[in-house]
Amino acid sequence: MSNTTSDTATERYRVRPETVVTDRGDGPAVVFAHGTLMDRTMFDPQVEALADDFRTVAYDLRARTDQYASSYDLYDLADDVDALCDGLELDTVVLCGMSMGGFMALRFAERYPERLDGLVLIDSMAEAYTEVEREQYGQLAEQARAEGKFTEPGVTVARDGLFGETTRAENPALPDRWVDRWRTYPAEGFYHEMHSWLNQPDFTPKLSGIDVPVLSIHGEEDASIAPERTEPMLDALPDARQELIPEAGHSSNLENPDAVNEALRGFLNDVY
């Protein structure tokens, strides 16, 4: 496995080259953008499964780099993907975003339509969070910032929100590995990561302008974004379909990778 980037991407994206990209395979390009509290390694099962036929690029968003301590929003993250594509000489891609990565992918589709062959949204949605959700998530971020670390109550909320009931019962080692990582994160990184999306408005009115194929992949046990919350998005997109993933929660590509990889490969074969 190689970790690569270029001088162009480093100059515009301003990240450490040795930590930003996993880049494997040849062929049509698929770029993977992770969700809050995760990193590019969450897509290892997809990179492994698809690299024989596609160029698979998974990268760390700002919160997992030395750019974690400044405020930014989803459009800034979309600009980062544009810079990354320039640096890696990727003219067009299928952009696959999980949760926050999916929120960003929709903004990328709006701002850089000429770079897209298709979109994959994993456990993501277009609608805004409710006021109650904003208050709850905001309190977690404020508490972590005040104490200088990701607190234990926050760890529990994140674990139960990011991993489904089946995974927590039958494969507890998976969430435990991620919990260990979360405890090492700078509190400022978590704070700015969450605030990049927490107060974003509903994107549904803009979805009619996205004219590439879209695949929504969603865990049936997702407690953070219930599958039914994707219905307005799917109705508004001109060309969209959904695959529900059994025995998986908000991190469905990690929890049931075989089912997700099958759905992804079918979609990519249709696009390319």
Protein backbone atom coordinates (compact mmCIF):
# COMPACT_ATOMS: atom_id res chain seq x y z
CA MET A 1 0.00 0.00 0.00
CA SER A 2 1.43 3.34 -0.98
CA ASN A 3 0.73 6.74 0.54
CA THR A 4 1.19 9.39 -2.11
CA THR A 5 0.43 12.95 -3.06
CA SER A 6 2.15 15.60 -5.16
CA ASP A 7 3.70 19.01 -4.69
CA THR A 8 0.62 20.61 -6.23
CA ALA A 9 -1.77 18.94 -3.82
CA THR A 10 0.49 19.68 -0.86
CA GLU A 11 0.73 23.36 -1.78
CA ARG A 12 -3.01 23.87 -2.13
CA TYR A 13 -4.26 21.36 0.40
CA ARG A 14 -1.47 22.14 2.91
CA VAL A 15 -1.21 18.77 4.62
CA ARG A 16 1.55 16.34 5.47
CA PRO A 17 2.14 14.17 2.39
CA GLU A 18 2.91 11.06 4.42
CA THR A 19 -0.49 11.12 6.13
CA VAL A 20 -2.93 12.34 3.54
CA VAL A 21 -3.54 9.68 0.88
CA THR A 22 -3.83 5.97 0.31
CA ASP A 23 -3.65 5.53 -3.46
CA ARG A 24 -3.91 2.05 -4.99
CA GLY A 25 -4.76 0.51 -8.32
CA ASP A 26 -5.28 1.76 -11.86
CA GLY A 27 -8.34 2.56 -13.92
CA PRO A 28 -11.29 4.88 -13.30
CA ALA A 29 -10.84 6.78 -10.06
CA VAL A 30 -12.86 6.46 -6.86
CA VAL A 31 -12.11 8.96 -4.08
CA PHE A 32 -13.21 8.11 -0.53
CA ALA A 33 -13.96 10.80 2.08
CA HIS A 34 -14.48 9.68 5.69
CA GLY A 35 -16.90 10.87 8.33
CA THR A 36 -16.52 12.62 11.68
CA LEU A 37 -14.11 10.88 14.08
CA MET A 38 -12.96 8.48 11.35
CA ASP A 39 -9.97 8.54 9.01
CA ARG A 40 -9.02 7.20 5.60
CA THR A 41 -8.37 3.70 6.97
CA MET A 42 -12.10 3.19 7.44
CA PHE A 43 -12.13 2.51 3.68
CA ASP A 44 -9.45 -0.19 3.77
CA PRO A 45 -12.05 -2.90 2.98
CA GLN A 46 -13.18 -0.99 -0.10
CA VAL A 47 -9.65 -0.20 -1.27
CA GLU A 48 -8.70 -3.86 -0.91
CA ALA A 49 -11.79 -5.06 -2.78
CA LEU A 50 -11.75 -2.55 -5.65
CA ALA A 51 -8.09 -1.74 -6.36
CA ASP A 52 -7.78 -4.51 -8.94
CA ASP A 53 -10.17 -2.68 -11.27
CA PHE A 54 -10.21 0.93 -10.11
CA ARG A 55 -7.82 3.59 -8.87
CA THR A 56 -8.88 3.86 -5.23
CA VAL A 57 -7.92 6.99 -3.32
CA ALA A 58 -8.74 7.41 0.39
CA TYR A 59 -7.53 10.55 2.13
CA ASP A 60 -7.58 12.17 5.56
CA LEU A 61 -9.82 15.20 5.92
CA ARG A 62 -8.54 18.21 7.82
CA ALA A 63 -9.43 16.98 11.30
CA ARG A 64 -6.96 14.10 10.96
CA THR A 65 -4.11 16.31 9.72
CA ASP A 66 -2.13 19.25 11.05
CA GLN A 67 -4.89 21.52 9.73
CA TYR A 68 -7.27 20.47 12.52
CA ALA A 69 -7.19 23.62 14.64
CA SER A 70 -8.81 26.18 12.31
CA SER A 71 -12.47 26.60 11.48
CA TYR A 72 -13.74 25.46 8.08
CA ASP A 73 -16.96 24.38 6.43
CA LEU A 74 -18.16 21.77 3.94
CA TYR A 75 -17.32 23.95 0.95
CA ASP A 76 -13.75 24.30 2.21
CA LEU A 77 -13.59 20.50 2.34
CA ALA A 78 -14.99 20.33 -1.20
CA ASP A 79 -12.22 22.69 -2.32
CA ASP A 80 -9.72 20.31 -0.72
CA VAL A 81 -10.99 17.46 -2.90
CA ASP A 82 -10.58 19.63 -6.00
CA ALA A 83 -6.99 20.35 -4.97
CA LEU A 84 -6.38 16.69 -4.24
CA CYS A 85 -7.66 15.71 -7.70
CA ASP A 86 -5.37 18.30 -9.27
CA GLY A 87 -2.39 17.00 -7.36
CA LEU A 88 -3.08 13.39 -8.23
CA GLU A 89 -3.94 14.26 -11.85
CA LEU A 90 -7.49 12.92 -11.59
CA ASP A 91 -9.67 14.62 -14.17
CA THR A 92 -12.95 13.03 -13.10
CA VAL A 93 -13.88 10.70 -10.25
CA VAL A 94 -16.65 8.93 -8.47
CA LEU A 95 -16.67 10.60 -5.06
CA CYS A 96 -17.71 8.36 -2.19
CA GLY A 97 -18.41 10.09 1.12
CA MET A 98 -19.42 8.59 4.45
CA SER A 99 -21.63 10.74 6.72
CA MET A 100 -19.79 14.11 6.87
CA GLY A 101 -17.92 13.02 3.76
CA GLY A 102 -21.29 12.63 2.07
CA PHE A 103 -22.44 16.08 3.20
CA MET A 104 -19.27 17.43 1.61
CA ALA A 105 -19.72 15.33 -1.55
CA LEU A 106 -23.05 17.00 -2.26
CA ARG A 107 -21.38 20.42 -2.05
CA PHE A 108 -18.58 19.17 -4.29
CA ALA A 109 -21.20 18.12 -6.85
CA GLU A 110 -22.63 21.63 -6.75
CA ARG A 111 -19.29 23.44 -7.02
CA TYR A 112 -17.30 21.08 -9.27
CA PRO A 113 -19.80 19.20 -11.47
CA GLU A 114 -17.27 18.84 -14.28
CA ARG A 115 -15.09 16.62 -12.07
CA LEU A 116 -17.77 14.07 -11.22
CA ASP A 117 -18.71 10.80 -12.87
CA GLY A 118 -20.91 9.73 -9.97
CA LEU A 119 -21.60 10.06 -6.25
CA VAL A 120 -21.81 7.47 -3.49
CA LEU A 121 -23.29 8.57 -0.17
CA ILE A 122 -22.67 6.17 2.72
CA ASP A 123 -24.91 6.72 5.75
CA SER A 124 -25.44 10.33 4.78
CA MET A 125 -28.29 12.70 3.96
CA ALA A 126 -29.12 16.10 2.48
CA GLU A 127 -31.47 17.52 5.11
CA ALA A 128 -30.33 19.72 7.99
CA TYR A 129 -30.00 18.50 11.54
CA THR A 130 -32.81 19.40 13.92
CA GLU A 131 -32.41 22.02 16.61
CA VAL A 132 -32.38 19.27 19.25
CA GLU A 133 -29.61 17.41 17.42
CA ARG A 134 -27.60 20.58 16.97
CA GLU A 135 -27.82 21.30 20.67
CA GLN A 136 -26.84 17.76 21.66
CA TYR A 137 -23.89 17.50 19.27
CA GLY A 138 -22.82 21.04 20.03
CA GLN A 139 -22.68 20.27 23.75
CA LEU A 140 -20.41 17.29 23.10
CA ALA A 141 -18.05 19.46 21.08
CA GLU A 142 -18.05 22.25 23.67
CA GLN A 143 -17.39 19.81 26.50
CA ALA A 144 -14.47 18.22 24.66
CA ARG A 145 -13.02 21.63 23.91
CA ALA A 146 -13.40 22.78 27.52
CA GLU A 147 -11.72 19.66 28.94
CA GLY A 148 -9.08 19.42 26.22
CA LYS A 149 -9.99 15.85 25.30
CA PHE A 150 -12.78 13.70 23.94
CA THR A 151 -14.67 12.87 27.14
CA GLU A 152 -15.96 9.46 28.15
CA PRO A 153 -19.66 10.40 27.81
CA GLY A 154 -18.83 11.61 24.32
CA VAL A 155 -17.03 8.36 23.55
CA THR A 156 -20.11 6.36 24.51
CA VAL A 157 -22.45 8.52 22.44
CA ALA A 158 -20.12 8.31 19.45
CA ARG A 159 -19.66 4.54 19.70
CA ASP A 160 -23.38 3.88 19.91
CA GLY A 161 -24.08 6.35 17.11
CA LEU A 162 -21.39 5.18 14.72
CA PHE A 163 -21.80 1.41 15.12
CA GLY A 164 -24.97 -0.62 14.95
CA GLU A 165 -26.43 -2.89 17.59
CA THR A 166 -25.32 -6.06 15.78
CA THR A 167 -21.73 -4.89 15.51
CA ARG A 168 -21.55 -3.81 19.15
CA ALA A 169 -22.90 -7.19 20.24
CA GLU A 170 -21.12 -9.54 17.85
CA ASN A 171 -17.95 -7.67 16.84
CA PRO A 172 -17.12 -5.34 19.76
CA ALA A 173 -13.43 -5.28 18.82
CA LEU A 174 -14.26 -3.09 15.81
CA PRO A 175 -15.76 -0.15 17.74
CA ASP A 176 -13.20 -0.65 20.51
CA ARG A 177 -10.36 -0.06 18.05
CA TRP A 178 -11.91 3.21 16.95
CA VAL A 179 -12.65 4.30 20.51
CA ASP A 180 -8.94 3.92 21.28
CA ARG A 181 -8.15 6.25 18.39
CA TRP A 182 -10.72 8.84 19.43
CA ARG A 183 -9.08 9.19 22.82
CA THR A 184 -5.88 10.36 21.09
CA TYR A 185 -7.55 13.10 19.02
CA PRO A 186 -6.98 16.78 19.82
CA ALA A 187 -10.17 18.29 21.20
CA GLU A 188 -9.88 21.22 18.78
CA GLY A 189 -9.89 18.77 15.89
CA PHE A 190 -13.16 17.23 17.01
CA TYR A 191 -14.68 20.64 17.68
CA HIS A 192 -13.94 22.09 14.25
CA GLU A 193 -14.78 18.83 12.50
CA MET A 194 -18.25 18.78 14.03
CA HIS A 195 -18.85 22.48 13.41
CA SER A 196 -17.97 22.10 9.73
CA TRP A 197 -21.40 20.49 9.23
CA LEU A 198 -23.49 20.92 12.37
CA ASN A 199 -25.28 24.13 11.38
CA GLN A 200 -25.41 23.62 7.62
CA PRO A 201 -28.78 24.32 5.99
CA ASP A 202 -30.94 21.79 4.20
CA PHE A 203 -29.33 20.94 0.86
CA THR A 204 -32.41 19.23 -0.60
CA PRO A 205 -33.52 22.22 -2.75
CA LYS A 206 -30.23 22.05 -4.66
CA LEU A 207 -30.29 18.33 -5.43
CA SER A 208 -32.14 18.66 -8.74
CA GLY A 209 -28.98 20.18 -10.22
CA ILE A 210 -26.89 17.05 -9.60
CA ASP A 211 -27.01 15.25 -12.95
CA VAL A 212 -24.69 12.29 -12.26
CA PRO A 213 -25.76 8.87 -10.99
CA VAL A 214 -25.99 8.66 -7.20
CA LEU A 215 -25.89 5.59 -4.98
CA SER A 216 -27.02 5.85 -1.37
CA ILE A 217 -25.66 3.06 0.84
CA HIS A 218 -27.24 2.97 4.28
CA GLY A 219 -27.06 0.70 7.29
CA GLU A 220 -30.43 -0.61 8.39
CA GLU A 221 -29.40 -0.10 12.04
CA ASP A 222 -28.13 3.45 11.61
CA ALA A 223 -29.04 5.29 14.82
CA SER A 224 -27.39 8.58 13.82
CA ILE A 225 -29.18 9.03 10.50
CA ALA A 226 -32.19 6.73 10.24
CA PRO A 227 -32.62 5.29 6.73
CA GLU A 228 -35.97 7.02 6.27
CA ARG A 229 -34.26 10.42 6.53
CA THR A 230 -32.72 9.77 3.11
CA GLU A 231 -36.10 9.52 1.37
CA PRO A 232 -36.47 13.26 0.53
CA MET A 233 -32.93 13.23 -0.88
CA LEU A 234 -33.58 10.19 -3.06
CA ASP A 235 -36.82 11.71 -4.33
CA ALA A 236 -35.13 15.01 -5.22
CA LEU A 237 -32.08 13.59 -7.01
CA PRO A 238 -32.61 13.03 -10.76
CA ASP A 239 -30.79 9.68 -10.86
CA ALA A 240 -30.47 7.93 -7.50
CA ARG A 241 -30.94 4.54 -5.95
CA GLN A 242 -30.33 3.09 -2.50
CA GLU A 243 -28.92 -0.12 -1.08
CA LEU A 244 -29.86 -0.88 2.52
CA ILE A 245 -27.17 -2.84 4.36
CA PRO A 246 -28.32 -5.40 6.95
CA GLU A 247 -26.64 -5.84 10.33
CA ALA A 248 -24.91 -2.48 10.00
CA GLY A 249 -25.23 0.95 11.55
CA HIS A 250 -23.74 4.34 10.69
CA SER A 251 -20.39 2.85 9.63
CA SER A 252 -21.94 0.31 7.28
CA ASN A 253 -18.89 -0.01 5.01
CA LEU A 254 -16.87 -1.21 8.02
CA GLU A 255 -19.59 -3.24 9.68
CA ASN A 256 -20.75 -5.22 6.65
CA PRO A 257 -18.05 -4.62 4.05
CA ASP A 258 -18.97 -7.51 1.76
CA ALA A 259 -22.47 -6.17 1.15
CA VAL A 260 -21.19 -2.62 0.68
CA ASN A 261 -18.42 -3.73 -1.68
CA GLU A 262 -20.93 -5.62 -3.81
CA ALA A 263 -23.16 -2.57 -4.05
CA LEU A 264 -20.21 -0.32 -4.83
CA ARG A 265 -18.83 -2.57 -7.54
CA GLY A 266 -22.21 -2.84 -9.22
CA PHE A 267 -22.62 0.94 -9.21
CA LEU A 268 -19.09 1.58 -10.50
CA ASN A 269 -19.55 -0.93 -13.29
CA ASP A 270 -22.73 0.88 -14.31
CA VAL A 271 -21.02 4.29 -14.24
CA TYR A 272 -17.88 3.20 -16.08
